[in-house]
Amino acid sequence: MSDETPHENRPDRWIDLEGVVNMRDSGGLPTRDGGTIQPRRLLRSDNLQDLSEADVRQVVDALGVSDIVDLRSDTEVSTEGPGPLWQVESLTHHHHSLFGDNRGVTAEQALAMPEHSTRPIRDAGFWSDHYLGYLAARPDSISAALDVVSRSSGATVIHCAAGKDRTGTVVALALDAAGVPHDVIVEDYALTGERIERIIARLMPRDLYGNALRHQSVDDQRPRPETMRTILDTVASEFGGAQGWLREQGWTDADIERLRQRLTT
């Protein structure tokens, strides 16, 4: 049976705030069994450093966020400093870097730019290898991030710097585990391309990322659908899908069902 799902009538899931450009809700995405991902359960975003006071109220009061999962490296977190959401007592912050603990990380590494080259060839194969590297190097962080989603009392925001690569990998596994068809996950991943220029413009003035980004074109950073298709196909063939991958990390059937129920009911 085809994994394809009609693309019409998809809800607009963008969340427009002053301080981010790549935040959206996974709510409304269909599952294979005829259900949907519930709104205000799993949000994805670029970094949250620039939220205004109005944005903070929107995140906490309107979106009902209770947990923040930060996938950035220790270097990024320490360089950027605490954002305004750290002052909100009702929120729980979880730092699950996809790089090694206490490892110094360059902007090139954080943004998946090969060092020693100013014009790397970053086709879908490059990005697929890079994302699979997250699964190989930091399965503990990815598993922990998904555990947060499964236990959250409200919405969970998963973010990195751009909300594209690290966030895209973790959110894709969450959606796959919940039964969202692969073509829908691919489409959700590629949606970031609609705002890639704004994402880069937002990161450019930041000391940590600006110099690295000046050596790249917009197309170098644009998400490619075939990249996510490769990730999902690889996880399916090697582990039987995201649920099988989670079992490899020690999750029980009850743990997986908790994640699925949290996202779909």
C-alpha atoms as a PDB file:
ATOM      1  CA  MET A   1       0.000   0.000   0.000  1.00  0.00           C
ATOM      2  CA  SER A   2       1.300   3.453  -0.852  1.00  0.00           C
ATOM      3  CA  ASP A   3       2.568   5.699   1.906  1.00  0.00           C
ATOM      4  CA  GLU A   4       1.296   8.684   0.011  1.00  0.00           C
ATOM      5  CA  THR A   5      -1.344  10.962   1.510  1.00  0.00           C
ATOM      6  CA  PRO A   6      -3.240  13.711  -0.370  1.00  0.00           C
ATOM      7  CA  HIS A   7      -1.664  17.114   0.204  1.00  0.00           C
ATOM      8  CA  GLU A   8      -4.780  19.249  -0.112  1.00  0.00           C
ATOM      9  CA  ASN A   9      -6.525  20.751   2.891  1.00  0.00           C
ATOM     10  CA  ARG A  10      -3.377  20.870   4.986  1.00  0.00           C
ATOM     11  CA  PRO A  11      -3.768  23.451   7.768  1.00  0.00           C
ATOM     12  CA  ASP A  12      -1.488  26.472   7.966  1.00  0.00           C
ATOM     13  CA  ARG A  13       0.744  25.543  10.885  1.00  0.00           C
ATOM     14  CA  TRP A  14       3.091  28.520  10.927  1.00  0.00           C
ATOM     15  CA  ILE A  15       3.274  30.380  14.239  1.00  0.00           C
ATOM     16  CA  ASP A  16       4.248  33.979  13.571  1.00  0.00           C
ATOM     17  CA  LEU A  17       6.053  35.689  16.434  1.00  0.00           C
ATOM     18  CA  GLU A  18       8.316  38.731  16.461  1.00  0.00           C
ATOM     19  CA  GLY A  19      11.414  36.862  17.612  1.00  0.00           C
ATOM     20  CA  VAL A  20      11.431  33.689  15.486  1.00  0.00           C
ATOM     21  CA  VAL A  21      10.893  32.956  11.801  1.00  0.00           C
ATOM     22  CA  ASN A  22      10.680  29.154  11.660  1.00  0.00           C
ATOM     23  CA  MET A  23       8.189  28.089  14.314  1.00  0.00           C
ATOM     24  CA  ARG A  24       5.288  25.826  13.444  1.00  0.00           C
ATOM     25  CA  ASP A  25       2.919  23.356  15.047  1.00  0.00           C
ATOM     26  CA  SER A  26       2.861  19.698  14.042  1.00  0.00           C
ATOM     27  CA  GLY A  27      -0.826  19.653  14.915  1.00  0.00           C
ATOM     28  CA  GLY A  28      -3.113  18.636  12.071  1.00  0.00           C
ATOM     29  CA  LEU A  29      -0.711  16.249  10.364  1.00  0.00           C
ATOM     30  CA  PRO A  30      -2.503  12.994   9.492  1.00  0.00           C
ATOM     31  CA  THR A  31      -1.594   9.522  10.716  1.00  0.00           C
ATOM     32  CA  ARG A  32      -1.896   6.278   8.791  1.00  0.00           C
ATOM     33  CA  ASP A  33      -4.775   5.046  10.950  1.00  0.00           C
ATOM     34  CA  GLY A  34      -6.969   8.028  10.106  1.00  0.00           C
ATOM     35  CA  GLY A  35      -6.071  10.143  13.129  1.00  0.00           C
ATOM     36  CA  THR A  36      -4.134  13.386  13.388  1.00  0.00           C
ATOM     37  CA  ILE A  37      -1.353  14.899  15.433  1.00  0.00           C
ATOM     38  CA  GLN A  38      -3.057  17.058  18.018  1.00  0.00           C
ATOM     39  CA  PRO A  39      -2.335  20.796  18.058  1.00  0.00           C
ATOM     40  CA  ARG A  40      -0.161  22.288  20.777  1.00  0.00           C
ATOM     41  CA  ARG A  41       1.657  19.051  21.521  1.00  0.00           C
ATOM     42  CA  LEU A  42       4.790  19.261  19.345  1.00  0.00           C
ATOM     43  CA  LEU A  43       6.168  22.572  18.102  1.00  0.00           C
ATOM     44  CA  ARG A  44       9.387  23.087  16.161  1.00  0.00           C
ATOM     45  CA  SER A  45      11.388  26.296  15.996  1.00  0.00           C
ATOM     46  CA  ASP A  46      14.580  28.143  15.291  1.00  0.00           C
ATOM     47  CA  ASN A  47      16.379  29.525  18.364  1.00  0.00           C
ATOM     48  CA  LEU A  48      14.370  31.342  20.998  1.00  0.00           C
ATOM     49  CA  GLN A  49      16.843  34.063  21.985  1.00  0.00           C
ATOM     50  CA  ASP A  50      14.955  37.028  20.530  1.00  0.00           C
ATOM     51  CA  LEU A  51      11.402  36.550  21.786  1.00  0.00           C
ATOM     52  CA  SER A  52       9.629  39.745  22.810  1.00  0.00           C
ATOM     53  CA  GLU A  53       7.501  40.062  25.932  1.00  0.00           C
ATOM     54  CA  ALA A  54       4.436  39.585  23.755  1.00  0.00           C
ATOM     55  CA  ASP A  55       6.005  36.488  22.213  1.00  0.00           C
ATOM     56  CA  VAL A  56       6.645  35.009  25.652  1.00  0.00           C
ATOM     57  CA  ARG A  57       3.013  35.523  26.614  1.00  0.00           C
ATOM     58  CA  GLN A  58       1.926  33.882  23.353  1.00  0.00           C
ATOM     59  CA  VAL A  59       4.202  30.873  23.923  1.00  0.00           C
ATOM     60  CA  VAL A  60       3.134  30.324  27.510  1.00  0.00           C
ATOM     61  CA  ASP A  61      -0.497  31.416  27.587  1.00  0.00           C
ATOM     62  CA  ALA A  62      -1.841  30.867  24.076  1.00  0.00           C
ATOM     63  CA  LEU A  63       0.289  27.928  22.919  1.00  0.00           C
ATOM     64  CA  GLY A  64       0.398  26.266  26.323  1.00  0.00           C
ATOM     65  CA  VAL A  65       4.092  25.401  26.183  1.00  0.00           C
ATOM     66  CA  SER A  66       5.393  23.589  29.252  1.00  0.00           C
ATOM     67  CA  ASP A  67       8.718  22.180  27.990  1.00  0.00           C
ATOM     68  CA  ILE A  68      11.602  23.453  25.855  1.00  0.00           C
ATOM     69  CA  VAL A  69      14.048  20.999  24.264  1.00  0.00           C
ATOM     70  CA  ASP A  70      17.249  22.726  23.176  1.00  0.00           C
ATOM     71  CA  LEU A  71      19.337  20.638  20.742  1.00  0.00           C
ATOM     72  CA  ARG A  72      22.163  23.158  20.384  1.00  0.00           C
ATOM     73  CA  SER A  73      25.732  22.456  21.418  1.00  0.00           C
ATOM     74  CA  ASP A  74      27.234  23.587  24.708  1.00  0.00           C
ATOM     75  CA  THR A  75      29.194  26.193  22.732  1.00  0.00           C
ATOM     76  CA  GLU A  76      26.062  27.671  21.198  1.00  0.00           C
ATOM     77  CA  VAL A  77      24.179  27.769  24.483  1.00  0.00           C
ATOM     78  CA  SER A  78      27.027  29.416  26.382  1.00  0.00           C
ATOM     79  CA  THR A  79      27.810  31.902  23.611  1.00  0.00           C
ATOM     80  CA  GLU A  80      24.228  32.957  23.024  1.00  0.00           C
ATOM     81  CA  GLY A  81      23.335  33.051  26.713  1.00  0.00           C
ATOM     82  CA  PRO A  82      19.924  32.448  28.295  1.00  0.00           C
ATOM     83  CA  GLY A  83      16.907  33.611  26.324  1.00  0.00           C
ATOM     84  CA  PRO A  84      13.800  35.254  27.821  1.00  0.00           C
ATOM     85  CA  LEU A  85      11.963  31.950  28.347  1.00  0.00           C
ATOM     86  CA  TRP A  86      14.513  31.002  31.010  1.00  0.00           C
ATOM     87  CA  GLN A  87      12.835  33.589  33.244  1.00  0.00           C
ATOM     88  CA  VAL A  88       9.456  31.832  33.058  1.00  0.00           C
ATOM     89  CA  GLU A  89       9.059  29.604  36.111  1.00  0.00           C
ATOM     90  CA  SER A  90       6.325  27.448  34.588  1.00  0.00           C
ATOM     91  CA  LEU A  91       8.631  26.210  31.822  1.00  0.00           C
ATOM     92  CA  THR A  92      11.038  23.290  32.098  1.00  0.00           C
ATOM     93  CA  HIS A  93      14.176  23.522  29.955  1.00  0.00           C
ATOM     94  CA  HIS A  94      15.909  20.399  28.669  1.00  0.00           C
ATOM     95  CA  HIS A  95      19.317  20.629  26.984  1.00  0.00           C
ATOM     96  CA  HIS A  96      20.034  17.606  24.810  1.00  0.00           C
ATOM     97  CA  SER A  97      22.879  18.528  22.498  1.00  0.00           C
ATOM     98  CA  LEU A  98      23.426  16.471  19.362  1.00  0.00           C
ATOM     99  CA  PHE A  99      27.158  17.009  19.799  1.00  0.00           C
ATOM    100  CA  GLY A 100      29.408  15.521  22.479  1.00  0.00           C
ATOM    101  CA  ASP A 101      29.130  16.860  26.024  1.00  0.00           C
ATOM    102  CA  ASN A 102      31.532  19.743  26.744  1.00  0.00           C
ATOM    103  CA  ARG A 103      32.808  19.581  23.181  1.00  0.00           C
ATOM    104  CA  GLY A 104      33.810  22.819  21.522  1.00  0.00           C
ATOM    105  CA  VAL A 105      31.703  23.193  18.388  1.00  0.00           C
ATOM    106  CA  THR A 106      32.322  25.617  15.548  1.00  0.00           C
ATOM    107  CA  ALA A 107      29.592  27.425  13.662  1.00  0.00           C
ATOM    108  CA  GLU A 108      30.477  25.330  10.619  1.00  0.00           C
ATOM    109  CA  GLN A 109      29.824  22.161  12.583  1.00  0.00           C
ATOM    110  CA  ALA A 110      26.645  23.494  14.197  1.00  0.00           C
ATOM    111  CA  LEU A 111      25.233  24.524  10.806  1.00  0.00           C
ATOM    112  CA  ALA A 112      26.495  21.377   9.025  1.00  0.00           C
ATOM    113  CA  MET A 113      29.146  23.126   6.943  1.00  0.00           C
ATOM    114  CA  PRO A 114      32.213  21.078   6.047  1.00  0.00           C
ATOM    115  CA  GLU A 115      35.308  22.866   7.234  1.00  0.00           C
ATOM    116  CA  HIS A 116      38.329  23.480   5.006  1.00  0.00           C
ATOM    117  CA  SER A 117      36.073  24.378   2.073  1.00  0.00           C
ATOM    118  CA  THR A 118      34.248  27.569   1.147  1.00  0.00           C
ATOM    119  CA  ARG A 119      32.166  25.910  -1.610  1.00  0.00           C
ATOM    120  CA  PRO A 120      31.179  22.469  -0.372  1.00  0.00           C
ATOM    121  CA  ILE A 121      28.918  20.301  -2.503  1.00  0.00           C
ATOM    122  CA  ARG A 122      26.017  19.731  -0.170  1.00  0.00           C
ATOM    123  CA  ASP A 123      23.551  17.633  -2.077  1.00  0.00           C
ATOM    124  CA  ALA A 124      20.855  15.434  -0.558  1.00  0.00           C
ATOM    125  CA  GLY A 125      23.413  12.713   0.066  1.00  0.00           C
ATOM    126  CA  PHE A 126      25.566  15.061   2.131  1.00  0.00           C
ATOM    127  CA  TRP A 127      22.647  16.078   4.322  1.00  0.00           C
ATOM    128  CA  SER A 128      21.384  12.513   4.706  1.00  0.00           C
ATOM    129  CA  ASP A 129      24.791  11.352   5.917  1.00  0.00           C
ATOM    130  CA  HIS A 130      24.934  14.272   8.302  1.00  0.00           C
ATOM    131  CA  TYR A 131      21.523  13.573   9.818  1.00  0.00           C
ATOM    132  CA  LEU A 132      22.248   9.875  10.167  1.00  0.00           C
ATOM    133  CA  GLY A 133      25.380  10.964  12.012  1.00  0.00           C
ATOM    134  CA  TYR A 134      23.141  12.493  14.685  1.00  0.00           C
ATOM    135  CA  LEU A 135      21.488   9.115  15.199  1.00  0.00           C
ATOM    136  CA  ALA A 136      24.842   7.376  15.441  1.00  0.00           C
ATOM    137  CA  ALA A 137      26.629   9.926  17.641  1.00  0.00           C
ATOM    138  CA  ARG A 138      23.880  11.067  20.020  1.00  0.00           C
ATOM    139  CA  PRO A 139      21.097   8.502  20.221  1.00  0.00           C
ATOM    140  CA  ASP A 140      20.919   9.291  23.935  1.00  0.00           C
ATOM    141  CA  SER A 141      20.039  12.937  23.300  1.00  0.00           C
ATOM    142  CA  ILE A 142      17.469  12.111  20.629  1.00  0.00           C
ATOM    143  CA  SER A 143      15.862   9.470  22.842  1.00  0.00           C
ATOM    144  CA  ALA A 144      15.805  11.894  25.773  1.00  0.00           C
ATOM    145  CA  ALA A 145      14.221  14.626  23.654  1.00  0.00           C
ATOM    146  CA  LEU A 146      11.437  12.295  22.561  1.00  0.00           C
ATOM    147  CA  ASP A 147      10.940  11.176  26.147  1.00  0.00           C
ATOM    148  CA  VAL A 148      10.313  14.812  27.087  1.00  0.00           C
ATOM    149  CA  VAL A 149       7.629  15.025  24.404  1.00  0.00           C
ATOM    150  CA  SER A 150       5.980  11.856  25.680  1.00  0.00           C
ATOM    151  CA  ARG A 151       5.788  13.106  29.276  1.00  0.00           C
ATOM    152  CA  SER A 152       5.037  16.787  28.721  1.00  0.00           C
ATOM    153  CA  SER A 153       1.969  18.242  30.412  1.00  0.00           C
ATOM    154  CA  GLY A 154       1.617  20.857  27.676  1.00  0.00           C
ATOM    155  CA  ALA A 155       3.236  21.669  24.362  1.00  0.00           C
ATOM    156  CA  THR A 156       6.904  20.888  23.807  1.00  0.00           C
ATOM    157  CA  VAL A 157       9.032  23.180  21.653  1.00  0.00           C
ATOM    158  CA  ILE A 158      12.009  21.456  20.027  1.00  0.00           C
ATOM    159  CA  HIS A 159      14.585  23.850  18.611  1.00  0.00           C
ATOM    160  CA  CYS A 160      18.186  24.297  17.530  1.00  0.00           C
ATOM    161  CA  ALA A 161      19.699  27.322  15.759  1.00  0.00           C
ATOM    162  CA  ALA A 162      17.809  27.348  12.453  1.00  0.00           C
ATOM    163  CA  GLY A 163      15.142  24.770  13.295  1.00  0.00           C
ATOM    164  CA  LYS A 164      16.067  22.804  10.185  1.00  0.00           C
ATOM    165  CA  ASP A 165      18.673  20.054  10.612  1.00  0.00           C
ATOM    166  CA  ARG A 166      18.852  18.891  14.230  1.00  0.00           C
ATOM    167  CA  THR A 167      15.255  19.857  14.899  1.00  0.00           C
ATOM    168  CA  GLY A 168      14.163  18.293  11.619  1.00  0.00           C
ATOM    169  CA  THR A 169      15.757  14.967  12.510  1.00  0.00           C
ATOM    170  CA  VAL A 170      14.234  14.724  15.987  1.00  0.00           C
ATOM    171  CA  VAL A 171      10.775  15.899  14.926  1.00  0.00           C
ATOM    172  CA  ALA A 172      10.784  13.445  12.012  1.00  0.00           C
ATOM    173  CA  LEU A 173      11.415  10.538  14.388  1.00  0.00           C
ATOM    174  CA  ALA A 174       8.637  11.725  16.696  1.00  0.00           C
ATOM    175  CA  LEU A 175       6.175  11.932  13.809  1.00  0.00           C
ATOM    176  CA  ASP A 176       7.261   8.575  12.388  1.00  0.00           C
ATOM    177  CA  ALA A 177       6.806   6.940  15.785  1.00  0.00           C
ATOM    178  CA  ALA A 178       3.308   8.440  15.967  1.00  0.00           C
ATOM    179  CA  GLY A 179       2.347   6.955  12.606  1.00  0.00           C
ATOM    180  CA  VAL A 180       2.556   9.969  10.304  1.00  0.00           C
ATOM    181  CA  PRO A 181       3.153   8.832   6.694  1.00  0.00           C
ATOM    182  CA  HIS A 182       6.612   9.400   5.306  1.00  0.00           C
ATOM    183  CA  ASP A 183       5.494  11.720   2.524  1.00  0.00           C
ATOM    184  CA  VAL A 184       3.851  14.004   5.098  1.00  0.00           C
ATOM    185  CA  ILE A 185       6.998  14.071   7.244  1.00  0.00           C
ATOM    186  CA  VAL A 186       9.066  14.878   4.154  1.00  0.00           C
ATOM    187  CA  GLU A 187       6.707  17.709   3.260  1.00  0.00           C
ATOM    188  CA  ASP A 188       6.851  19.076   6.803  1.00  0.00           C
ATOM    189  CA  TYR A 189      10.656  19.027   6.755  1.00  0.00           C
ATOM    190  CA  ALA A 190      10.833  20.780   3.392  1.00  0.00           C
ATOM    191  CA  LEU A 191       8.408  23.493   4.542  1.00  0.00           C
ATOM    192  CA  THR A 192      11.347  25.246   6.206  1.00  0.00           C
ATOM    193  CA  GLY A 193      12.496  26.106   2.690  1.00  0.00           C
ATOM    194  CA  GLU A 194       9.713  28.677   2.471  1.00  0.00           C
ATOM    195  CA  ARG A 195      11.530  30.746   5.089  1.00  0.00           C
ATOM    196  CA  ILE A 196      15.177  29.840   4.541  1.00  0.00           C
ATOM    197  CA  GLU A 197      16.114  33.373   3.472  1.00  0.00           C
ATOM    198  CA  ARG A 198      14.601  34.795   6.658  1.00  0.00           C
ATOM    199  CA  ILE A 199      16.284  32.131   8.774  1.00  0.00           C
ATOM    200  CA  ILE A 200      19.705  32.973   7.357  1.00  0.00           C
ATOM    201  CA  ALA A 201      19.072  36.708   7.685  1.00  0.00           C
ATOM    202  CA  ARG A 202      18.246  36.191  11.347  1.00  0.00           C
ATOM    203  CA  LEU A 203      21.426  34.205  12.028  1.00  0.00           C
ATOM    204  CA  MET A 204      23.801  36.382   9.996  1.00  0.00           C
ATOM    205  CA  PRO A 205      24.193  39.213  12.566  1.00  0.00           C
ATOM    206  CA  ARG A 206      25.084  36.750  15.326  1.00  0.00           C
ATOM    207  CA  ASP A 207      28.809  36.479  16.010  1.00  0.00           C
ATOM    208  CA  LEU A 208      28.711  32.699  16.268  1.00  0.00           C
ATOM    209  CA  TYR A 209      27.093  32.062  12.874  1.00  0.00           C
ATOM    210  CA  GLY A 210      27.558  35.122  10.666  1.00  0.00           C
ATOM    211  CA  ASN A 211      31.071  34.555   9.353  1.00  0.00           C
ATOM    212  CA  ALA A 212      30.360  30.943   8.436  1.00  0.00           C
ATOM    213  CA  LEU A 213      27.116  31.832   6.659  1.00  0.00           C
ATOM    214  CA  ARG A 214      28.796  34.525   4.567  1.00  0.00           C
ATOM    215  CA  HIS A 215      30.673  31.772   2.702  1.00  0.00           C
ATOM    216  CA  GLN A 216      27.490  29.882   1.813  1.00  0.00           C
ATOM    217  CA  SER A 217      24.670  30.383  -0.646  1.00  0.00           C
ATOM    218  CA  VAL A 218      21.010  30.176   0.305  1.00  0.00           C
ATOM    219  CA  ASP A 219      20.660  27.006  -1.744  1.00  0.00           C
ATOM    220  CA  ASP A 220      23.432  25.377   0.289  1.00  0.00           C
ATOM    221  CA  GLN A 221      21.136  25.590   3.299  1.00  0.00           C
ATOM    222  CA  ARG A 222      17.817  24.902   1.599  1.00  0.00           C
ATOM    223  CA  PRO A 223      16.173  21.658   2.841  1.00  0.00           C
ATOM    224  CA  ARG A 224      15.799  18.983   0.169  1.00  0.00           C
ATOM    225  CA  PRO A 225      12.845  16.568   0.352  1.00  0.00           C
ATOM    226  CA  GLU A 226      14.977  13.650  -0.811  1.00  0.00           C
ATOM    227  CA  THR A 227      17.217  14.117   2.231  1.00  0.00           C
ATOM    228  CA  MET A 228      14.432  13.368   4.686  1.00  0.00           C
ATOM    229  CA  ARG A 229      13.112  10.573   2.481  1.00  0.00           C
ATOM    230  CA  THR A 230      16.530   8.905   2.720  1.00  0.00           C
ATOM    231  CA  ILE A 231      16.602   9.264   6.517  1.00  0.00           C
ATOM    232  CA  LEU A 232      13.164   7.723   6.923  1.00  0.00           C
ATOM    233  CA  ASP A 233      13.906   4.920   4.457  1.00  0.00           C
ATOM    234  CA  THR A 234      17.164   4.141   6.261  1.00  0.00           C
ATOM    235  CA  VAL A 235      15.537   4.040   9.690  1.00  0.00           C
ATOM    236  CA  ALA A 236      12.769   1.857   8.243  1.00  0.00           C
ATOM    237  CA  SER A 237      15.147  -0.617   6.623  1.00  0.00           C
ATOM    238  CA  GLU A 238      17.604  -0.836   9.531  1.00  0.00           C
ATOM    239  CA  PHE A 239      15.248  -0.633  12.522  1.00  0.00           C
ATOM    240  CA  GLY A 240      11.723  -1.114  11.219  1.00  0.00           C
ATOM    241  CA  GLY A 241      10.973   2.594  11.637  1.00  0.00           C
ATOM    242  CA  ALA A 242      11.256   5.064  14.498  1.00  0.00           C
ATOM    243  CA  GLN A 243       9.493   2.737  16.924  1.00  0.00           C
ATOM    244  CA  GLY A 244      12.083   0.048  16.227  1.00  0.00           C
ATOM    245  CA  TRP A 245      14.871   2.580  16.639  1.00  0.00           C
ATOM    246  CA  LEU A 246      13.450   3.596  20.022  1.00  0.00           C
ATOM    247  CA  ARG A 247      13.344  -0.035  21.115  1.00  0.00           C
ATOM    248  CA  GLU A 248      17.045  -0.209  20.291  1.00  0.00           C
ATOM    249  CA  GLN A 249      17.505   2.670  22.759  1.00  0.00           C
ATOM    250  CA  GLY A 250      15.725   0.731  25.512  1.00  0.00           C
ATOM    251  CA  TRP A 251      12.176   1.990  25.084  1.00  0.00           C
ATOM    252  CA  THR A 252       9.417  -0.450  25.964  1.00  0.00           C
ATOM    253  CA  ASP A 253       6.163  -0.847  24.056  1.00  0.00           C
ATOM    254  CA  ALA A 254       4.501   1.129  26.860  1.00  0.00           C
ATOM    255  CA  ASP A 255       7.005   3.977  26.413  1.00  0.00           C
ATOM    256  CA  ILE A 256       6.332   4.099  22.682  1.00  0.00           C
ATOM    257  CA  GLU A 257       2.598   4.027  23.220  1.00  0.00           C
ATOM    258  CA  ARG A 258       2.925   6.910  25.690  1.00  0.00           C
ATOM    259  CA  LEU A 259       4.622   8.999  22.987  1.00  0.00           C
ATOM    260  CA  ARG A 260       2.057   8.022  20.365  1.00  0.00           C
ATOM    261  CA  GLN A 261      -0.865   8.760  22.670  1.00  0.00           C
ATOM    262  CA  ARG A 262       0.610  12.077  23.747  1.00  0.00           C
ATOM    263  CA  LEU A 263       0.864  13.228  20.141  1.00  0.00           C
ATOM    264  CA  THR A 264      -2.397  11.847  18.763  1.00  0.00           C
ATOM    265  CA  THR A 265      -5.072  11.963  21.494  1.00  0.00           C
END
